[in-house]
């Protein structure tokens, strides 16, 4: 019972941790932004706006209920798996010692750089490499059948809520944990090697200042039914909530678009950018004929494993074709 209580409290703590997307402060700002958008841009009265934001048919749908269950169950599963994963420290140490073995590299060569510049450079570099790595892994999740079998769990959501970000298969959680460990290890080892012990990161409430800004500006609205769009030029730089909702659309023209998390630059560069559209209501999910069974825990956890088994059995693993799909886009050639 004590273990269950600990795991429950650990899950609840996510709402009070500014490093997490669903920090209560970010939820509140998302509600404020959504209210402002609906009242002043969409010209809906305040009472109707509040009703739309807290739409019961969304938050009590079968899809949303699955999100809530997966959030708590995956917290338990990852607490068991996490100690088994390779750590950020181990990777950083390996990279750090490798850099020392390269004869033409000199450790501490930039150690005299003013601390404020080191912190600025490190904070920016860390944010960019994190965001780019998320784009790359996310794109592979869609392009490689083995990974798509896992990522379909996330896309099986037919209603979007802030909790949909946790609607993932545990194996996808492992992949993204390893991604995070690798990118953070690269950032830390490179900067400590070149700049010495002065390396630090600019934070607000413990979160990278850029990630904090992204979250406080309504990141939770990306997984919501409030389709806030930006100016066309801004949607080439930052992914708007409406753009990410397009990413979840079942329409063919929306497939494999808007893989970015915070920055849209990667989508613009690699030809996967799609601007937000004025559509009354997007149909979300895997396909138009999606069955209700896709929201059941049994299907969400076991169907991906079955699919992976049969993919391996048929030998449909073509990494070269996926790499060829990463093509630089001509500037301005987006939709």
Foldseek 3Di string as FASTA:
>chain_A
DVVLVVLVVVLVCLCCALQHLNPVLLVVLLLVVQQCCCCPVVVDDNVVSVCQQVPCCQCVPLLNVLLVVLSSVLSVVCVVCVVVDDALVVLLVVVLVVQVVPVVDAFQQAQVPDLVVLQVVLLVQLVVLLQVLQLVVLLCLQVWQLNVLFCLQLQQRQAFFLSSVSSTASVVVSVSNVSNSNSVSVSVSVSCRHRNPSHDYDDDSPYHPVVSVQSSNNLRLLRHQRQDFDPPVVCLFFPGSQQSVLCQAQDPVSDQADSTRTTNVQCQFQVRYEGGDPDPGGGGHNHPPDDPCSSDPCCSHCVSVVSSVVCVVVVPGDVPVSVVSRDTDDHPPHD
